C-alpha atoms as a PDB file:
ATOM      1  CA  MET A   1      96.441 158.407 106.195  1.00  0.00           C
ATOM      2  CA  ARG A   2      98.528 156.649 108.819  1.00  0.00           C
ATOM      3  CA  THR A   3      95.487 155.403 110.792  1.00  0.00           C
ATOM      4  CA  LEU A   4      93.931 153.920 107.673  1.00  0.00           C
ATOM      5  CA  SER A   5      97.059 152.085 106.476  1.00  0.00           C
ATOM      6  CA  LEU A   6      97.766 150.281 109.786  1.00  0.00           C
ATOM      7  CA  PRO A   7      94.410 148.420 109.950  1.00  0.00           C
ATOM      8  CA  THR A   8      94.626 147.699 106.227  1.00  0.00           C
ATOM      9  CA  LEU A   9      98.121 146.276 106.621  1.00  0.00           C
ATOM     10  CA  LEU A  10      96.997 144.182 109.594  1.00  0.00           C
ATOM     11  CA  LEU A  11      93.985 142.816 107.707  1.00  0.00           C
ATOM     12  CA  PHE A  12      96.110 142.033 104.657  1.00  0.00           C
ATOM     13  CA  SER A  13      98.731 140.182 106.732  1.00  0.00           C
ATOM     14  CA  LEU A  14      96.009 138.110 108.427  1.00  0.00           C
ATOM     15  CA  LEU A  15      94.543 137.112 105.076  1.00  0.00           C
ATOM     16  CA  VAL A  16      97.915 136.155 103.624  1.00  0.00           C
ATOM     17  CA  PHE A  17      99.613 134.402 106.541  1.00  0.00           C
ATOM     18  CA  CYS A  18      96.747 132.727 108.423  1.00  0.00           C
ATOM     19  CA  PRO A  19      95.613 129.346 107.112  1.00  0.00           C
ATOM     20  CA  GLN A  20      92.131 129.234 105.755  1.00  0.00           C
ATOM     21  CA  ALA A  21      89.654 126.817 107.303  1.00  0.00           C
ATOM     22  CA  GLU A  22      88.623 123.945 105.094  1.00  0.00           C
ATOM     23  CA  PHE A  23      85.006 122.977 105.192  1.00  0.00           C
ATOM     24  CA  ALA A  24      84.290 119.248 105.330  1.00  0.00           C
ATOM     25  CA  GLN A  25      81.828 117.820 102.881  1.00  0.00           C
ATOM     26  CA  SER A  26      79.643 115.256 104.535  1.00  0.00           C
ATOM     27  CA  GLY A  27      79.504 111.823 102.935  1.00  0.00           C
ATOM     28  CA  THR A  28      81.882 112.468 100.050  1.00  0.00           C
ATOM     29  CA  ALA A  29      85.199 111.398 101.592  1.00  0.00           C
ATOM     30  CA  GLU A  30      85.713 107.661 101.828  1.00  0.00           C
ATOM     31  CA  VAL A  31      87.423 106.348 104.946  1.00  0.00           C
ATOM     32  CA  PRO A  32      90.372 104.069 104.086  1.00  0.00           C
ATOM     33  CA  PRO A  33      90.472 100.653 105.755  1.00  0.00           C
ATOM     34  CA  THR A  34      92.725 100.021 108.718  1.00  0.00           C
ATOM     35  CA  GLU A  35      95.792  98.218 107.377  1.00  0.00           C
ATOM     36  CA  ILE A  36      98.174  95.811 109.079  1.00  0.00           C
ATOM     37  CA  SER A  37     101.026  93.856 107.484  1.00  0.00           C
ATOM     38  CA  ALA A  38     102.337  90.372 108.208  1.00  0.00           C
ATOM     39  CA  ASP A  39     105.370  90.875 105.893  1.00  0.00           C
ATOM     40  CA  LEU A  40     105.342  87.187 104.925  1.00  0.00           C
ATOM     41  CA  GLY A  41     104.146  87.254 101.313  1.00  0.00           C
ATOM     42  CA  THR A  42     102.109  89.061  98.667  1.00  0.00           C
ATOM     43  CA  CYS A  43      98.560  87.973  99.514  1.00  0.00           C
ATOM     44  CA  SER A  44      95.991  90.133 101.283  1.00  0.00           C
ATOM     45  CA  ALA A  45      92.562  89.957 102.842  1.00  0.00           C
ATOM     46  CA  LEU A  46      90.028  92.789 102.997  1.00  0.00           C
ATOM     47  CA  ILE A  47      87.445  92.291 105.732  1.00  0.00           C
ATOM     48  CA  THR A  48      84.282  94.412 105.779  1.00  0.00           C
ATOM     49  CA  VAL A  49      82.403  94.159 109.084  1.00  0.00           C
ATOM     50  CA  THR A  50      78.708  95.012 109.282  1.00  0.00           C
ATOM     51  CA  GLY A  51      76.136  94.644 112.007  1.00  0.00           C
ATOM     52  CA  ALA A  52      72.738  92.988 111.941  1.00  0.00           C
ATOM     53  CA  ASP A  53      71.368  96.236 110.464  1.00  0.00           C
ATOM     54  CA  SER A  54      73.917  96.049 107.572  1.00  0.00           C
ATOM     55  CA  LYS A  55      75.709  99.196 108.766  1.00  0.00           C
ATOM     56  CA  PRO A  56      79.526  99.263 109.179  1.00  0.00           C
ATOM     57  CA  VAL A  57      80.779  98.259 112.620  1.00  0.00           C
ATOM     58  CA  TYR A  58      83.416 100.675 113.928  1.00  0.00           C
ATOM     59  CA  ASN A  59      86.170  99.367 116.209  1.00  0.00           C
ATOM     60  CA  ALA A  60      85.481  95.659 115.700  1.00  0.00           C
ATOM     61  CA  LYS A  61      88.496  93.632 116.836  1.00  0.00           C
ATOM     62  CA  VAL A  62      90.191  91.552 114.113  1.00  0.00           C
ATOM     63  CA  THR A  63      92.796  88.950 115.125  1.00  0.00           C
ATOM     64  CA  THR A  64      94.677  86.142 113.410  1.00  0.00           C
ATOM     65  CA  ARG A  65      97.601  83.802 114.030  1.00  0.00           C
ATOM     66  CA  ILE A  66      99.925  82.869 111.166  1.00  0.00           C
ATOM     67  CA  HIS A  67     102.286  79.892 111.384  1.00  0.00           C
ATOM     68  CA  TYR A  68     105.430  80.158 109.268  1.00  0.00           C
ATOM     69  CA  GLY A  69     109.015  78.962 109.114  1.00  0.00           C
ATOM     70  CA  PHE A  70     110.302  75.415 109.239  1.00  0.00           C
ATOM     71  CA  MET A  71     107.401  73.089 110.125  1.00  0.00           C
ATOM     72  CA  GLY A  72     105.310  76.120 111.101  1.00  0.00           C
ATOM     73  CA  ALA A  73     107.296  76.511 114.316  1.00  0.00           C
ATOM     74  CA  LYS A  74     107.185  80.317 114.243  1.00  0.00           C
ATOM     75  CA  LYS A  75     103.943  82.143 114.975  1.00  0.00           C
ATOM     76  CA  LEU A  76     102.831  85.686 114.230  1.00  0.00           C
ATOM     77  CA  ASP A  77      99.809  87.136 116.017  1.00  0.00           C
ATOM     78  CA  LEU A  78      98.134  90.135 114.383  1.00  0.00           C
ATOM     79  CA  GLU A  79      95.473  92.286 116.037  1.00  0.00           C
ATOM     80  CA  THR A  80      93.818  95.482 114.878  1.00  0.00           C
ATOM     81  CA  TYR A  81      90.484  97.292 114.932  1.00  0.00           C
ATOM     82  CA  ALA A  82      88.115  98.175 112.096  1.00  0.00           C
ATOM     83  CA  SER A  83      87.982 101.694 110.684  1.00  0.00           C
ATOM     84  CA  ALA A  84      84.905 103.920 110.710  1.00  0.00           C
ATOM     85  CA  ALA A  85      83.875 102.215 107.459  1.00  0.00           C
ATOM     86  CA  GLY A  86      84.072  98.833 109.220  1.00  0.00           C
ATOM     87  CA  GLN A  87      87.026  97.673 107.116  1.00  0.00           C
ATOM     88  CA  VAL A  88      90.373  96.033 107.851  1.00  0.00           C
ATOM     89  CA  LYS A  89      92.999  95.079 105.275  1.00  0.00           C
ATOM     90  CA  ILE A  90      95.612  92.490 106.207  1.00  0.00           C
ATOM     91  CA  VAL A  91      98.501  92.593 103.727  1.00  0.00           C
ATOM     92  CA  GLY A  92     101.699  90.594 103.376  1.00  0.00           C
ATOM     93  CA  LEU A  93     100.033  87.245 104.019  1.00  0.00           C
ATOM     94  CA  PRO A  94     101.937  84.125 102.885  1.00  0.00           C
ATOM     95  CA  GLU A  95     101.062  82.406  99.594  1.00  0.00           C
ATOM     96  CA  LEU A  96     101.581  78.958 101.147  1.00  0.00           C
ATOM     97  CA  PRO A  97     100.754  79.054 104.867  1.00  0.00           C
ATOM     98  CA  LYS A  98     101.969  76.163 107.018  1.00  0.00           C
ATOM     99  CA  LYS A  99      98.579  75.821 108.755  1.00  0.00           C
ATOM    100  CA  PRO A 100      95.114  77.204 107.934  1.00  0.00           C
ATOM    101  CA  VAL A 101      94.758  80.935 108.535  1.00  0.00           C
ATOM    102  CA  PHE A 102      91.601  81.814 110.437  1.00  0.00           C
ATOM    103  CA  ILE A 103      90.639  85.460 110.934  1.00  0.00           C
ATOM    104  CA  TYR A 104      88.481  86.191 113.977  1.00  0.00           C
ATOM    105  CA  ILE A 105      86.209  89.245 114.120  1.00  0.00           C
ATOM    106  CA  SER A 106      84.583  90.281 117.389  1.00  0.00           C
ATOM    107  CA  LYS A 107      82.657  93.165 118.869  1.00  0.00           C
ATOM    108  CA  ASP A 108      81.128  93.104 122.356  1.00  0.00           C
ATOM    109  CA  ASP A 109      79.798  89.537 122.791  1.00  0.00           C
ATOM    110  CA  LYS A 110      79.555  88.742 119.056  1.00  0.00           C
ATOM    111  CA  LEU A 111      82.197  86.610 117.317  1.00  0.00           C
ATOM    112  CA  GLU A 112      82.587  85.431 113.717  1.00  0.00           C
ATOM    113  CA  SER A 113      85.484  83.800 111.882  1.00  0.00           C
ATOM    114  CA  VAL A 114      86.547  83.335 108.270  1.00  0.00           C
ATOM    115  CA  GLU A 115      89.206  81.093 106.755  1.00  0.00           C
ATOM    116  CA  PHE A 116      91.758  82.682 104.440  1.00  0.00           C
ATOM    117  CA  LYS A 117      92.770  80.293 101.640  1.00  0.00           C
ATOM    118  CA  PRO A 118      95.486  81.869  99.483  1.00  0.00           C
ATOM    119  CA  ASP A 119      95.571  78.896  97.100  1.00  0.00           C
ATOM    120  CA  VAL A 120      91.930  79.650  96.211  1.00  0.00           C
ATOM    121  CA  HIS A 121      92.120  83.458  96.153  1.00  0.00           C
ATOM    122  CA  CYS A 122      95.299  85.358  97.066  1.00  0.00           C
ATOM    123  CA  GLN A 123      93.607  88.789  97.138  1.00  0.00           C
ATOM    124  CA  ALA A 124      90.559  87.774  99.163  1.00  0.00           C
ATOM    125  CA  SER A 125      87.627  89.907 100.277  1.00  0.00           C
ATOM    126  CA  PHE A 126      85.291  88.921 103.108  1.00  0.00           C
ATOM    127  CA  ASP A 127      81.967  90.430 104.119  1.00  0.00           C
ATOM    128  CA  VAL A 128      81.311  89.542 107.761  1.00  0.00           C
ATOM    129  CA  GLN A 129      78.020  90.278 109.465  1.00  0.00           C
ATOM    130  CA  LEU A 130      78.090  90.282 113.267  1.00  0.00           C
ATOM    131  CA  LYS A 131      74.764  89.121 114.649  1.00  0.00           C
END
């Protein structure tokens, strides 16, 4: 009886105390966009980067410079990279920027830019295709 209870107790303790492996389901989980905050307002811009084949571009570099303060004397440079879904969300953008806000998207030798206009659309969404 003693030899049977020791392996049973060991097996039971392994089942109870060891974490169970979770199996990933392919294609069902959505990758959230990379997010960066300017902390200057309530506006935001969601940039979706695709390639010439219309597939998401991973690790595309997204940069912008925001002028703020008295006469736009202060500058804030933001830089981040796109997620696996090819998306970047820039939050906390000012409602009334001192100068135009251009967002530059680049990958390898390809470069595109978009202009963020909060007076037109505060919660903007851009689809950028790198060619």
